[in-house]
Amino acid sequence: MSTETIRRTVVLHSAVDACVRKAWQVLIDAGFEATYSMAVNFMLVGHATDASRPQGLSDEARASMWDFAADGETVRHVNIQDHLVMLGQLLRDAEPCPLRAVPATVAQHGMDPGCTT
């Protein structure tokens, strides 16, 4: 296996998080110096291996995946949380908008010209 890693921030559904935490505990109990990320990868390697078999995923695994994808409320919630994480990162990385004087005509009409730099 390659030792290259990609650092990403992901949002997990609480049910998936619970499974990751169980896998994490199994790894620790087996004597591994495991982290949450190792547990996520542990699960994904197993799933990817199953998916690559000639017969593919079990009907139950496939049905669970499609049920999750079709659960609009859950998917929206996960996506919103993901967008909030990305927005937070953008805000942390953003250059501050320099302070400048607001033209009198703009201030008089209560309009905010925003940052134009």
PDB file of N, CA and C in Angstrom:
ATOM      1  N   MET A   1       0.833  -1.180   0.000  1.00  0.00           N
ATOM      2  CA  MET A   1       0.000   0.000   0.000  1.00  0.00           C
ATOM      3  C   MET A   1       0.879   1.246   0.000  1.00  0.00           C
ATOM      4  N   SER A   2       0.397   2.270  -0.650  1.00  0.00           N
ATOM      5  CA  SER A   2       1.097   3.542  -0.700  1.00  0.00           C
ATOM      6  C   SER A   2       1.054   4.211   0.671  1.00  0.00           C
ATOM      7  N   THR A   3       2.083   4.981   0.979  1.00  0.00           N
ATOM      8  CA  THR A   3       2.092   5.714   2.242  1.00  0.00           C
ATOM      9  C   THR A   3       1.638   7.155   2.057  1.00  0.00           C
ATOM     10  N   GLU A   4       1.266   7.515   0.826  1.00  0.00           N
ATOM     11  CA  GLU A   4       0.774   8.864   0.573  1.00  0.00           C
ATOM     12  C   GLU A   4      -0.574   9.048   1.264  1.00  0.00           C
ATOM     13  N   THR A   5      -0.748  10.186   1.899  1.00  0.00           N
ATOM     14  CA  THR A   5      -2.020  10.477   2.556  1.00  0.00           C
ATOM     15  C   THR A   5      -2.569  11.799   2.041  1.00  0.00           C
ATOM     16  N   ILE A   6      -3.851  11.914   2.097  1.00  0.00           N
ATOM     17  CA  ILE A   6      -4.565  13.125   1.714  1.00  0.00           C
ATOM     18  C   ILE A   6      -5.329  13.589   2.943  1.00  0.00           C
ATOM     19  N   ARG A   7      -5.095  14.806   3.350  1.00  0.00           N
ATOM     20  CA  ARG A   7      -5.812  15.330   4.526  1.00  0.00           C
ATOM     21  C   ARG A   7      -7.097  15.998   4.055  1.00  0.00           C
ATOM     22  N   ARG A   8      -8.207  15.547   4.588  1.00  0.00           N
ATOM     23  CA  ARG A   8      -9.513  16.094   4.260  1.00  0.00           C
ATOM     24  C   ARG A   8     -10.326  16.221   5.535  1.00  0.00           C
ATOM     25  N   THR A   9     -11.248  17.130   5.515  1.00  0.00           N
ATOM     26  CA  THR A   9     -12.215  17.232   6.590  1.00  0.00           C
ATOM     27  C   THR A   9     -13.520  16.686   6.034  1.00  0.00           C
ATOM     28  N   VAL A  10     -14.109  15.745   6.737  1.00  0.00           N
ATOM     29  CA  VAL A  10     -15.368  15.174   6.282  1.00  0.00           C
ATOM     30  C   VAL A  10     -16.392  15.252   7.398  1.00  0.00           C
ATOM     31  N   VAL A  11     -17.625  15.248   7.015  1.00  0.00           N
ATOM     32  CA  VAL A  11     -18.734  15.207   7.959  1.00  0.00           C
ATOM     33  C   VAL A  11     -19.330  13.810   7.866  1.00  0.00           C
ATOM     34  N   LEU A  12     -19.466  13.153   8.987  1.00  0.00           N
ATOM     35  CA  LEU A  12     -20.031  11.807   9.020  1.00  0.00           C
ATOM     36  C   LEU A  12     -21.394  11.836   9.698  1.00  0.00           C
ATOM     37  N   HIS A  13     -22.290  11.039   9.190  1.00  0.00           N
ATOM     38  CA  HIS A  13     -23.581  10.836   9.843  1.00  0.00           C
ATOM     39  C   HIS A  13     -23.302  10.173  11.192  1.00  0.00           C
ATOM     40  N   SER A  14     -24.139  10.451  12.166  1.00  0.00           N
ATOM     41  CA  SER A  14     -23.915   9.915  13.517  1.00  0.00           C
ATOM     42  C   SER A  14     -23.873   8.389  13.540  1.00  0.00           C
ATOM     43  N   ALA A  15     -24.649   7.740  12.676  1.00  0.00           N
ATOM     44  CA  ALA A  15     -24.621   6.264  12.631  1.00  0.00           C
ATOM     45  C   ALA A  15     -23.276   5.774  12.107  1.00  0.00           C
ATOM     46  N   VAL A  16     -22.722   6.479  11.127  1.00  0.00           N
ATOM     47  CA  VAL A  16     -21.411   6.109  10.589  1.00  0.00           C
ATOM     48  C   VAL A  16     -20.346   6.371  11.650  1.00  0.00           C
ATOM     49  N   ASP A  17     -20.457   7.510  12.338  1.00  0.00           N
ATOM     50  CA  ASP A  17     -19.513   7.829  13.412  1.00  0.00           C
ATOM     51  C   ASP A  17     -19.511   6.731  14.468  1.00  0.00           C
ATOM     52  N   ALA A  18     -20.683   6.237  14.817  1.00  0.00           N
ATOM     53  CA  ALA A  18     -20.775   5.168  15.815  1.00  0.00           C
ATOM     54  C   ALA A  18     -20.037   3.915  15.331  1.00  0.00           C
ATOM     55  N   CYS A  19     -20.170   3.591  14.053  1.00  0.00           N
ATOM     56  CA  CYS A  19     -19.469   2.425  13.492  1.00  0.00           C
ATOM     57  C   CYS A  19     -17.962   2.646  13.491  1.00  0.00           C
ATOM     58  N   VAL A  20     -17.542   3.863  13.148  1.00  0.00           N
ATOM     59  CA  VAL A  20     -16.109   4.174  13.142  1.00  0.00           C
ATOM     60  C   VAL A  20     -15.552   4.034  14.557  1.00  0.00           C
ATOM     61  N   ARG A  21     -16.292   4.527  15.536  1.00  0.00           N
ATOM     62  CA  ARG A  21     -15.828   4.449  16.920  1.00  0.00           C
ATOM     63  C   ARG A  21     -15.745   2.995  17.399  1.00  0.00           C
ATOM     64  N   LYS A  22     -16.659   2.150  16.942  1.00  0.00           N
ATOM     65  CA  LYS A  22     -16.586   0.725  17.292  1.00  0.00           C
ATOM     66  C   LYS A  22     -15.357   0.098  16.645  1.00  0.00           C
ATOM     67  N   ALA A  23     -15.123   0.417  15.370  1.00  0.00           N
ATOM     68  CA  ALA A  23     -13.936  -0.110  14.678  1.00  0.00           C
ATOM     69  C   ALA A  23     -12.666   0.377  15.365  1.00  0.00           C
ATOM     70  N   TRP A  24     -12.670   1.632  15.783  1.00  0.00           N
ATOM     71  CA  TRP A  24     -11.524   2.218  16.479  1.00  0.00           C
ATOM     72  C   TRP A  24     -11.227   1.426  17.746  1.00  0.00           C
ATOM     73  N   GLN A  25     -12.285   1.114  18.508  1.00  0.00           N
ATOM     74  CA  GLN A  25     -12.096   0.354  19.745  1.00  0.00           C
ATOM     75  C   GLN A  25     -11.600  -1.061  19.455  1.00  0.00           C
ATOM     76  N   VAL A  26     -12.112  -1.677  18.400  1.00  0.00           N
ATOM     77  CA  VAL A  26     -11.646  -3.016  18.015  1.00  0.00           C
ATOM     78  C   VAL A  26     -10.146  -2.979  17.707  1.00  0.00           C
ATOM     79  N   LEU A  27      -9.717  -1.955  16.964  1.00  0.00           N
ATOM     80  CA  LEU A  27      -8.295  -1.820  16.630  1.00  0.00           C
ATOM     81  C   LEU A  27      -7.439  -1.632  17.882  1.00  0.00           C
ATOM     82  N   ILE A  28      -7.906  -0.786  18.787  1.00  0.00           N
ATOM     83  CA  ILE A  28      -7.167  -0.549  20.037  1.00  0.00           C
ATOM     84  C   ILE A  28      -7.097  -1.838  20.852  1.00  0.00           C
ATOM     85  N   ASP A  29      -8.235  -2.540  20.954  1.00  0.00           N
ATOM     86  CA  ASP A  29      -8.273  -3.801  21.699  1.00  0.00           C
ATOM     87  C   ASP A  29      -7.358  -4.848  21.080  1.00  0.00           C
ATOM     88  N   ALA A  30      -7.136  -4.744  19.763  1.00  0.00           N
ATOM     89  CA  ALA A  30      -6.249  -5.687  19.071  1.00  0.00           C
ATOM     90  C   ALA A  30      -4.784  -5.280  19.205  1.00  0.00           C
ATOM     91  N   GLY A  31      -4.534  -4.172  19.906  1.00  0.00           N
ATOM     92  CA  GLY A  31      -3.155  -3.778  20.170  1.00  0.00           C
ATOM     93  C   GLY A  31      -2.580  -2.750  19.210  1.00  0.00           C
ATOM     94  N   PHE A  32      -3.393  -2.213  18.346  1.00  0.00           N
ATOM     95  CA  PHE A  32      -2.899  -1.200  17.407  1.00  0.00           C
ATOM     96  C   PHE A  32      -2.938   0.182  18.058  1.00  0.00           C
ATOM     97  N   GLU A  33      -1.990   1.012  17.671  1.00  0.00           N
ATOM     98  CA  GLU A  33      -2.009   2.411  18.097  1.00  0.00           C
ATOM     99  C   GLU A  33      -2.896   3.148  17.096  1.00  0.00           C
ATOM    100  N   ALA A  34      -4.179   3.016  17.290  1.00  0.00           N
ATOM    101  CA  ALA A  34      -5.154   3.473  16.309  1.00  0.00           C
ATOM    102  C   ALA A  34      -5.639   4.884  16.592  1.00  0.00           C
ATOM    103  N   THR A  35      -5.994   5.558  15.526  1.00  0.00           N
ATOM    104  CA  THR A  35      -6.625   6.868  15.600  1.00  0.00           C
ATOM    105  C   THR A  35      -7.992   6.774  14.925  1.00  0.00           C
ATOM    106  N   TYR A  36      -8.752   7.825  15.055  1.00  0.00           N
ATOM    107  CA  TYR A  36     -10.050   7.886  14.381  1.00  0.00           C
ATOM    108  C   TYR A  36      -9.854   7.744  12.871  1.00  0.00           C
ATOM    109  N   SER A  37      -8.858   8.442  12.320  1.00  0.00           N
ATOM    110  CA  SER A  37      -8.598   8.358  10.876  1.00  0.00           C
ATOM    111  C   SER A  37      -8.221   6.940  10.460  1.00  0.00           C
ATOM    112  N   MET A  38      -7.439   6.265  11.307  1.00  0.00           N
ATOM    113  CA  MET A  38      -7.088   4.877  10.980  1.00  0.00           C
ATOM    114  C   MET A  38      -8.339   4.012  10.942  1.00  0.00           C
ATOM    115  N   ALA A  39      -9.257   4.247  11.877  1.00  0.00           N
ATOM    116  CA  ALA A  39     -10.490   3.457  11.910  1.00  0.00           C
ATOM    117  C   ALA A  39     -11.349   3.712  10.669  1.00  0.00           C
ATOM    118  N   VAL A  40     -11.423   4.970  10.221  1.00  0.00           N
ATOM    119  CA  VAL A  40     -12.170   5.283   8.990  1.00  0.00           C
ATOM    120  C   VAL A  40     -11.537   4.540   7.820  1.00  0.00           C
ATOM    121  N   ASN A  41     -10.219   4.617   7.689  1.00  0.00           N
ATOM    122  CA  ASN A  41      -9.532   3.928   6.591  1.00  0.00           C
ATOM    123  C   ASN A  41      -9.673   2.420   6.691  1.00  0.00           C
ATOM    124  N   PHE A  42      -9.613   1.876   7.887  1.00  0.00           N
ATOM    125  CA  PHE A  42      -9.802   0.449   8.135  1.00  0.00           C
ATOM    126  C   PHE A  42     -11.142  -0.011   7.566  1.00  0.00           C
ATOM    127  N   MET A  43     -12.188   0.760   7.870  1.00  0.00           N
ATOM    128  CA  MET A  43     -13.519   0.420   7.367  1.00  0.00           C
ATOM    129  C   MET A  43     -13.603   0.569   5.847  1.00  0.00           C
ATOM    130  N   LEU A  44     -13.035   1.652   5.320  1.00  0.00           N
ATOM    131  CA  LEU A  44     -13.110   1.886   3.876  1.00  0.00           C
ATOM    132  C   LEU A  44     -12.323   0.849   3.082  1.00  0.00           C
ATOM    133  N   VAL A  45     -11.172   0.419   3.616  1.00  0.00           N
ATOM    134  CA  VAL A  45     -10.400  -0.626   2.923  1.00  0.00           C
ATOM    135  C   VAL A  45     -11.217  -1.908   2.844  1.00  0.00           C
ATOM    136  N   GLY A  46     -11.877  -2.261   3.942  1.00  0.00           N
ATOM    137  CA  GLY A  46     -12.721  -3.457   3.931  1.00  0.00           C
ATOM    138  C   GLY A  46     -13.864  -3.331   2.946  1.00  0.00           C
ATOM    139  N   HIS A  47     -14.504  -2.181   2.934  1.00  0.00           N
ATOM    140  CA  HIS A  47     -15.631  -1.951   2.029  1.00  0.00           C
ATOM    141  C   HIS A  47     -15.165  -1.947   0.568  1.00  0.00           C
ATOM    142  N   ALA A  48     -14.058  -1.275   0.298  1.00  0.00           N
ATOM    143  CA  ALA A  48     -13.536  -1.222  -1.076  1.00  0.00           C
ATOM    144  C   ALA A  48     -13.121  -2.612  -1.545  1.00  0.00           C
ATOM    145  N   THR A  49     -12.552  -3.399  -0.648  1.00  0.00           N
ATOM    146  CA  THR A  49     -12.160  -4.763  -0.995  1.00  0.00           C
ATOM    147  C   THR A  49     -13.386  -5.598  -1.346  1.00  0.00           C
ATOM    148  N   ASP A  50     -14.428  -5.479  -0.525  1.00  0.00           N
ATOM    149  CA  ASP A  50     -15.675  -6.193  -0.815  1.00  0.00           C
ATOM    150  C   ASP A  50     -16.266  -5.748  -2.154  1.00  0.00           C
ATOM    151  N   ALA A  51     -16.264  -4.455  -2.396  1.00  0.00           N
ATOM    152  CA  ALA A  51     -16.851  -3.920  -3.622  1.00  0.00           C
ATOM    153  C   ALA A  51     -16.100  -4.381  -4.865  1.00  0.00           C
ATOM    154  N   SER A  52     -14.816  -4.667  -4.722  1.00  0.00           N
ATOM    155  CA  SER A  52     -14.018  -5.058  -5.885  1.00  0.00           C
ATOM    156  C   SER A  52     -14.085  -6.560  -6.182  1.00  0.00           C
ATOM    157  N   ARG A  53     -14.763  -7.328  -5.345  1.00  0.00           N
ATOM    158  CA  ARG A  53     -14.912  -8.766  -5.611  1.00  0.00           C
ATOM    159  C   ARG A  53     -15.748  -8.959  -6.879  1.00  0.00           C
ATOM    160  N   PRO A  54     -15.559 -10.065  -7.567  1.00  0.00           N
ATOM    161  CA  PRO A  54     -16.355 -10.299  -8.789  1.00  0.00           C
ATOM    162  C   PRO A  54     -17.863 -10.188  -8.558  1.00  0.00           C
ATOM    163  N   GLN A  55     -18.346 -10.654  -7.422  1.00  0.00           N
ATOM    164  CA  GLN A  55     -19.779 -10.571  -7.141  1.00  0.00           C
ATOM    165  C   GLN A  55     -20.164  -9.215  -6.567  1.00  0.00           C
ATOM    166  N   GLY A  56     -19.188  -8.361  -6.275  1.00  0.00           N
ATOM    167  CA  GLY A  56     -19.463  -7.015  -5.775  1.00  0.00           C
ATOM    168  C   GLY A  56     -19.990  -7.024  -4.354  1.00  0.00           C
ATOM    169  N   LEU A  57     -20.611  -5.935  -3.994  1.00  0.00           N
ATOM    170  CA  LEU A  57     -21.165  -5.803  -2.654  1.00  0.00           C
ATOM    171  C   LEU A  57     -22.378  -6.704  -2.469  1.00  0.00           C
ATOM    172  N   SER A  58     -22.635  -7.036  -1.238  1.00  0.00           N
ATOM    173  CA  SER A  58     -23.838  -7.819  -0.945  1.00  0.00           C
ATOM    174  C   SER A  58     -25.061  -6.959  -1.257  1.00  0.00           C
ATOM    175  N   ASP A  59     -26.178  -7.620  -1.479  1.00  0.00           N
ATOM    176  CA  ASP A  59     -27.426  -6.890  -1.726  1.00  0.00           C
ATOM    177  C   ASP A  59     -27.763  -5.994  -0.544  1.00  0.00           C
ATOM    178  N   GLU A  60     -27.485  -6.467   0.668  1.00  0.00           N
ATOM    179  CA  GLU A  60     -27.771  -5.691   1.870  1.00  0.00           C
ATOM    180  C   GLU A  60     -26.909  -4.419   1.925  1.00  0.00           C
ATOM    181  N   ALA A  61     -25.613  -4.547   1.625  1.00  0.00           N
ATOM    182  CA  ALA A  61     -24.723  -3.378   1.635  1.00  0.00           C
ATOM    183  C   ALA A  61     -25.142  -2.376   0.565  1.00  0.00           C
ATOM    184  N   ARG A  62     -25.438  -2.888  -0.616  1.00  0.00           N
ATOM    185  CA  ARG A  62     -25.859  -2.013  -1.720  1.00  0.00           C
ATOM    186  C   ARG A  62     -27.168  -1.286  -1.366  1.00  0.00           C
ATOM    187  N   ALA A  63     -28.102  -2.006  -0.792  1.00  0.00           N
ATOM    188  CA  ALA A  63     -29.386  -1.407  -0.411  1.00  0.00           C
ATOM    189  C   ALA A  63     -29.187  -0.330   0.661  1.00  0.00           C
ATOM    190  N   SER A  64     -28.321  -0.594   1.626  1.00  0.00           N
ATOM    191  CA  SER A  64     -28.049   0.395   2.674  1.00  0.00           C
ATOM    192  C   SER A  64     -27.450   1.668   2.085  1.00  0.00           C
ATOM    193  N   MET A  65     -26.536   1.507   1.150  1.00  0.00           N
ATOM    194  CA  MET A  65     -25.900   2.675   0.532  1.00  0.00           C
ATOM    195  C   MET A  65     -26.922   3.507  -0.234  1.00  0.00           C
ATOM    196  N   TRP A  66     -27.763   2.837  -1.030  1.00  0.00           N
ATOM    197  CA  TRP A  66     -28.761   3.574  -1.816  1.00  0.00           C
ATOM    198  C   TRP A  66     -29.858   4.166  -0.947  1.00  0.00           C
ATOM    199  N   ASP A  67     -30.207   3.477   0.152  1.00  0.00           N
ATOM    200  CA  ASP A  67     -31.177   4.039   1.092  1.00  0.00           C
ATOM    201  C   ASP A  67     -30.641   5.329   1.700  1.00  0.00           C
ATOM    202  N   PHE A  68     -29.364   5.313   2.051  1.00  0.00           N
ATOM    203  CA  PHE A  68     -28.747   6.521   2.591  1.00  0.00           C
ATOM    204  C   PHE A  68     -28.770   7.649   1.553  1.00  0.00           C
ATOM    205  N   ALA A  69     -28.365   7.341   0.329  1.00  0.00           N
ATOM    206  CA  ALA A  69     -28.324   8.363  -0.735  1.00  0.00           C
ATOM    207  C   ALA A  69     -29.709   8.928  -1.009  1.00  0.00           C
ATOM    208  N   ALA A  70     -30.744   8.115  -0.853  1.00  0.00           N
ATOM    209  CA  ALA A  70     -32.114   8.553  -1.136  1.00  0.00           C
ATOM    210  C   ALA A  70     -32.773   9.275   0.040  1.00  0.00           C
ATOM    211  N   ASP A  71     -32.136   9.259   1.208  1.00  0.00           N
ATOM    212  CA  ASP A  71     -32.695   9.919   2.389  1.00  0.00           C
ATOM    213  C   ASP A  71     -32.368  11.409   2.312  1.00  0.00           C
ATOM    214  N   GLY A  72     -33.236  12.152   1.630  1.00  0.00           N
ATOM    215  CA  GLY A  72     -32.990  13.561   1.353  1.00  0.00           C
ATOM    216  C   GLY A  72     -32.698  14.400   2.586  1.00  0.00           C
ATOM    217  N   GLU A  73     -33.435  14.187   3.662  1.00  0.00           N
ATOM    218  CA  GLU A  73     -33.237  14.994   4.871  1.00  0.00           C
ATOM    219  C   GLU A  73     -31.847  14.754   5.460  1.00  0.00           C
ATOM    220  N   THR A  74     -31.453  13.491   5.551  1.00  0.00           N
ATOM    221  CA  THR A  74     -30.145  13.167   6.101  1.00  0.00           C
ATOM    222  C   THR A  74     -29.030  13.698   5.206  1.00  0.00           C
ATOM    223  N   VAL A  75     -29.168  13.505   3.913  1.00  0.00           N
ATOM    224  CA  VAL A  75     -28.150  13.973   2.975  1.00  0.00           C
ATOM    225  C   VAL A  75     -28.035  15.494   3.036  1.00  0.00           C
ATOM    226  N   ARG A  76     -29.164  16.193   3.091  1.00  0.00           N
ATOM    227  CA  ARG A  76     -29.119  17.667   3.214  1.00  0.00           C
ATOM    228  C   ARG A  76     -28.398  18.084   4.480  1.00  0.00           C
ATOM    229  N   HIS A  77     -28.696  17.417   5.586  1.00  0.00           N
ATOM    230  CA  HIS A  77     -28.053  17.749   6.850  1.00  0.00           C
ATOM    231  C   HIS A  77     -26.540  17.534   6.768  1.00  0.00           C
ATOM    232  N   VAL A  78     -26.133  16.393   6.248  1.00  0.00           N
ATOM    233  CA  VAL A  78     -24.699  16.109   6.112  1.00  0.00           C
ATOM    234  C   VAL A  78     -24.051  17.136   5.182  1.00  0.00           C
ATOM    235  N   ASN A  79     -24.697  17.443   4.058  1.00  0.00           N
ATOM    236  CA  ASN A  79     -24.135  18.412   3.108  1.00  0.00           C
ATOM    237  C   ASN A  79     -24.048  19.807   3.711  1.00  0.00           C
ATOM    238  N   ILE A  80     -25.063  20.205   4.470  1.00  0.00           N
ATOM    239  CA  ILE A  80     -25.021  21.526   5.117  1.00  0.00           C
ATOM    240  C   ILE A  80     -23.852  21.586   6.089  1.00  0.00           C
ATOM    241  N   GLN A  81     -23.687  20.537   6.876  1.00  0.00           N
ATOM    242  CA  GLN A  81     -22.566  20.521   7.820  1.00  0.00           C
ATOM    243  C   GLN A  81     -21.234  20.583   7.073  1.00  0.00           C
ATOM    244  N   ASP A  82     -21.145  19.881   5.955  1.00  0.00           N
ATOM    245  CA  ASP A  82     -19.930  19.899   5.150  1.00  0.00           C
ATOM    246  C   ASP A  82     -19.671  21.308   4.617  1.00  0.00           C
ATOM    247  N   HIS A  83     -20.711  21.974   4.127  1.00  0.00           N
ATOM    248  CA  HIS A  83     -20.562  23.342   3.620  1.00  0.00           C
ATOM    249  C   HIS A  83     -20.168  24.302   4.745  1.00  0.00           C
ATOM    250  N   LEU A  84     -20.700  24.102   5.935  1.00  0.00           N
ATOM    251  CA  LEU A  84     -20.329  24.953   7.068  1.00  0.00           C
ATOM    252  C   LEU A  84     -18.853  24.786   7.430  1.00  0.00           C
ATOM    253  N   VAL A  85     -18.358  23.552   7.369  1.00  0.00           N
ATOM    254  CA  VAL A  85     -16.929  23.314   7.625  1.00  0.00           C
ATOM    255  C   VAL A  85     -16.094  24.037   6.574  1.00  0.00           C
ATOM    256  N   MET A  86     -16.486  23.907   5.286  1.00  0.00           N
ATOM    257  CA  MET A  86     -15.742  24.579   4.215  1.00  0.00           C
ATOM    258  C   MET A  86     -15.810  26.095   4.360  1.00  0.00           C
ATOM    259  N   LEU A  87     -16.975  26.627   4.722  1.00  0.00           N
ATOM    260  CA  LEU A  87     -17.124  28.066   4.911  1.00  0.00           C
ATOM    261  C   LEU A  87     -16.226  28.543   6.051  1.00  0.00           C
ATOM    262  N   GLY A  88     -16.201  27.796   7.137  1.00  0.00           N
ATOM    263  CA  GLY A  88     -15.325  28.141   8.254  1.00  0.00           C
ATOM    264  C   GLY A  88     -13.868  28.193   7.830  1.00  0.00           C
ATOM    265  N   GLN A  89     -13.460  27.227   7.015  1.00  0.00           N
ATOM    266  CA  GLN A  89     -12.081  27.204   6.516  1.00  0.00           C
ATOM    267  C   GLN A  89     -11.818  28.418   5.632  1.00  0.00           C
ATOM    268  N   LEU A  90     -12.753  28.746   4.750  1.00  0.00           N
ATOM    269  CA  LEU A  90     -12.598  29.923   3.886  1.00  0.00           C
ATOM    270  C   LEU A  90     -12.484  31.203   4.713  1.00  0.00           C
ATOM    271  N   LEU A  91     -13.300  31.311   5.748  1.00  0.00           N
ATOM    272  CA  LEU A  91     -13.246  32.494   6.600  1.00  0.00           C
ATOM    273  C   LEU A  91     -11.923  32.583   7.366  1.00  0.00           C
ATOM    274  N   ARG A  92     -11.413  31.444   7.824  1.00  0.00           N
ATOM    275  CA  ARG A  92     -10.123  31.446   8.519  1.00  0.00           C
ATOM    276  C   ARG A  92      -8.992  31.845   7.580  1.00  0.00           C
ATOM    277  N   ASP A  93      -9.091  31.436   6.311  1.00  0.00           N
ATOM    278  CA  ASP A  93      -8.029  31.697   5.343  1.00  0.00           C
ATOM    279  C   ASP A  93      -8.161  33.038   4.636  1.00  0.00           C
ATOM    280  N   ALA A  94      -9.300  33.704   4.775  1.00  0.00           N
ATOM    281  CA  ALA A  94      -9.569  34.930   4.025  1.00  0.00           C
ATOM    282  C   ALA A  94      -8.684  36.074   4.504  1.00  0.00           C
ATOM    283  N   GLU A  95      -8.296  36.891   3.559  1.00  0.00           N
ATOM    284  CA  GLU A  95      -7.577  38.114   3.891  1.00  0.00           C
ATOM    285  C   GLU A  95      -8.581  39.093   4.478  1.00  0.00           C
ATOM    286  N   PRO A  96      -8.207  39.790   5.537  1.00  0.00           N
ATOM    287  CA  PRO A  96      -9.155  40.753   6.101  1.00  0.00           C
ATOM    288  C   PRO A  96      -9.415  41.896   5.120  1.00  0.00           C
ATOM    289  N   CYS A  97     -10.634  42.365   5.119  1.00  0.00           N
ATOM    290  CA  CYS A  97     -11.019  43.483   4.263  1.00  0.00           C
ATOM    291  C   CYS A  97     -10.478  44.761   4.900  1.00  0.00           C
ATOM    292  N   PRO A  98      -9.687  45.520   4.159  1.00  0.00           N
ATOM    293  CA  PRO A  98      -9.135  46.741   4.757  1.00  0.00           C
ATOM    294  C   PRO A  98     -10.239  47.752   5.060  1.00  0.00           C
ATOM    295  N   LEU A  99     -10.078  48.437   6.179  1.00  0.00           N
ATOM    296  CA  LEU A  99     -11.042  49.472   6.546  1.00  0.00           C
ATOM    297  C   LEU A  99     -10.827  50.686   5.651  1.00  0.00           C
ATOM    298  N   ARG A 100     -11.915  51.276   5.253  1.00  0.00           N
ATOM    299  CA  ARG A 100     -11.818  52.472   4.420  1.00  0.00           C
ATOM    300  C   ARG A 100     -13.017  53.353   4.715  1.00  0.00           C
ATOM    301  N   ALA A 101     -12.896  54.579   4.336  1.00  0.00           N
ATOM    302  CA  ALA A 101     -13.980  55.527   4.584  1.00  0.00           C
ATOM    303  C   ALA A 101     -15.148  55.219   3.659  1.00  0.00           C
ATOM    304  N   VAL A 102     -16.354  55.325   4.195  1.00  0.00           N
ATOM    305  CA  VAL A 102     -17.560  55.137   3.392  1.00  0.00           C
ATOM    306  C   VAL A 102     -17.964  56.502   2.835  1.00  0.00           C
ATOM    307  N   PRO A 103     -18.150  56.613   1.516  1.00  0.00           N
ATOM    308  CA  PRO A 103     -18.549  57.904   0.947  1.00  0.00           C
ATOM    309  C   PRO A 103     -19.824  58.420   1.611  1.00  0.00           C
ATOM    310  N   ALA A 104     -19.905  59.713   1.799  1.00  0.00           N
ATOM    311  CA  ALA A 104     -21.035  60.340   2.492  1.00  0.00           C
ATOM    312  C   ALA A 104     -22.371  59.995   1.851  1.00  0.00           C
ATOM    313  N   THR A 105     -22.414  59.936   0.514  1.00  0.00           N
ATOM    314  CA  THR A 105     -23.689  59.641  -0.155  1.00  0.00           C
ATOM    315  C   THR A 105     -24.144  58.217   0.146  1.00  0.00           C
ATOM    316  N   VAL A 106     -23.209  57.319   0.273  1.00  0.00           N
ATOM    317  CA  VAL A 106     -23.556  55.929   0.590  1.00  0.00           C
ATOM    318  C   VAL A 106     -24.053  55.852   2.027  1.00  0.00           C
ATOM    319  N   ALA A 107     -23.332  56.474   2.940  1.00  0.00           N
ATOM    320  CA  ALA A 107     -23.715  56.452   4.343  1.00  0.00           C
ATOM    321  C   ALA A 107     -25.068  57.133   4.547  1.00  0.00           C
ATOM    322  N   GLN A 108     -25.315  58.202   3.809  1.00  0.00           N
ATOM    323  CA  GLN A 108     -26.566  58.968   3.929  1.00  0.00           C
ATOM    324  C   GLN A 108     -27.771  58.092   3.592  1.00  0.00           C
ATOM    325  N   HIS A 109     -27.626  57.202   2.639  1.00  0.00           N
ATOM    326  CA  HIS A 109     -28.735  56.349   2.207  1.00  0.00           C
ATOM    327  C   HIS A 109     -28.738  54.990   2.915  1.00  0.00           C
ATOM    328  N   GLY A 110     -27.816  54.819   3.851  1.00  0.00           N
ATOM    329  CA  GLY A 110     -27.777  53.584   4.635  1.00  0.00           C
ATOM    330  C   GLY A 110     -27.326  52.369   3.851  1.00  0.00           C
ATOM    331  N   MET A 111     -26.622  52.578   2.757  1.00  0.00           N
ATOM    332  CA  MET A 111     -26.153  51.457   1.949  1.00  0.00           C
ATOM    333  C   MET A 111     -24.741  51.094   2.369  1.00  0.00           C
ATOM    334  N   ASP A 112     -24.457  49.831   2.366  1.00  0.00           N
ATOM    335  CA  ASP A 112     -23.114  49.365   2.670  1.00  0.00           C
ATOM    336  C   ASP A 112     -22.487  48.898   1.367  1.00  0.00           C
ATOM    337  N   PRO A 113     -21.429  49.543   0.937  1.00  0.00           N
ATOM    338  CA  PRO A 113     -20.836  49.163  -0.353  1.00  0.00           C
ATOM    339  C   PRO A 113     -20.100  47.847  -0.290  1.00  0.00           C
ATOM    340  N   GLY A 114     -19.871  47.320   0.874  1.00  0.00           N
ATOM    341  CA  GLY A 114     -19.155  46.059   0.994  1.00  0.00           C
ATOM    342  C   GLY A 114     -17.683  46.245   0.730  1.00  0.00           C
ATOM    343  N   CYS A 115     -16.979  45.161   0.739  1.00  0.00           N
ATOM    344  CA  CYS A 115     -15.547  45.192   0.483  1.00  0.00           C
ATOM    345  C   CYS A 115     -15.312  45.017  -1.010  1.00  0.00           C
ATOM    346  N   THR A 116     -14.657  45.972  -1.609  1.00  0.00           N
ATOM    347  CA  THR A 116     -14.456  45.901  -3.058  1.00  0.00           C
ATOM    348  C   THR A 116     -13.002  45.637  -3.415  1.00  0.00           C
ATOM    349  N   THR A 117     -12.164  45.337  -2.425  1.00  0.00           N
ATOM    350  CA  THR A 117     -10.759  45.089  -2.731  1.00  0.00           C
ATOM    351  C   THR A 117     -10.510  43.636  -2.880  1.00  0.00           C
TER     352      THR A 117
END
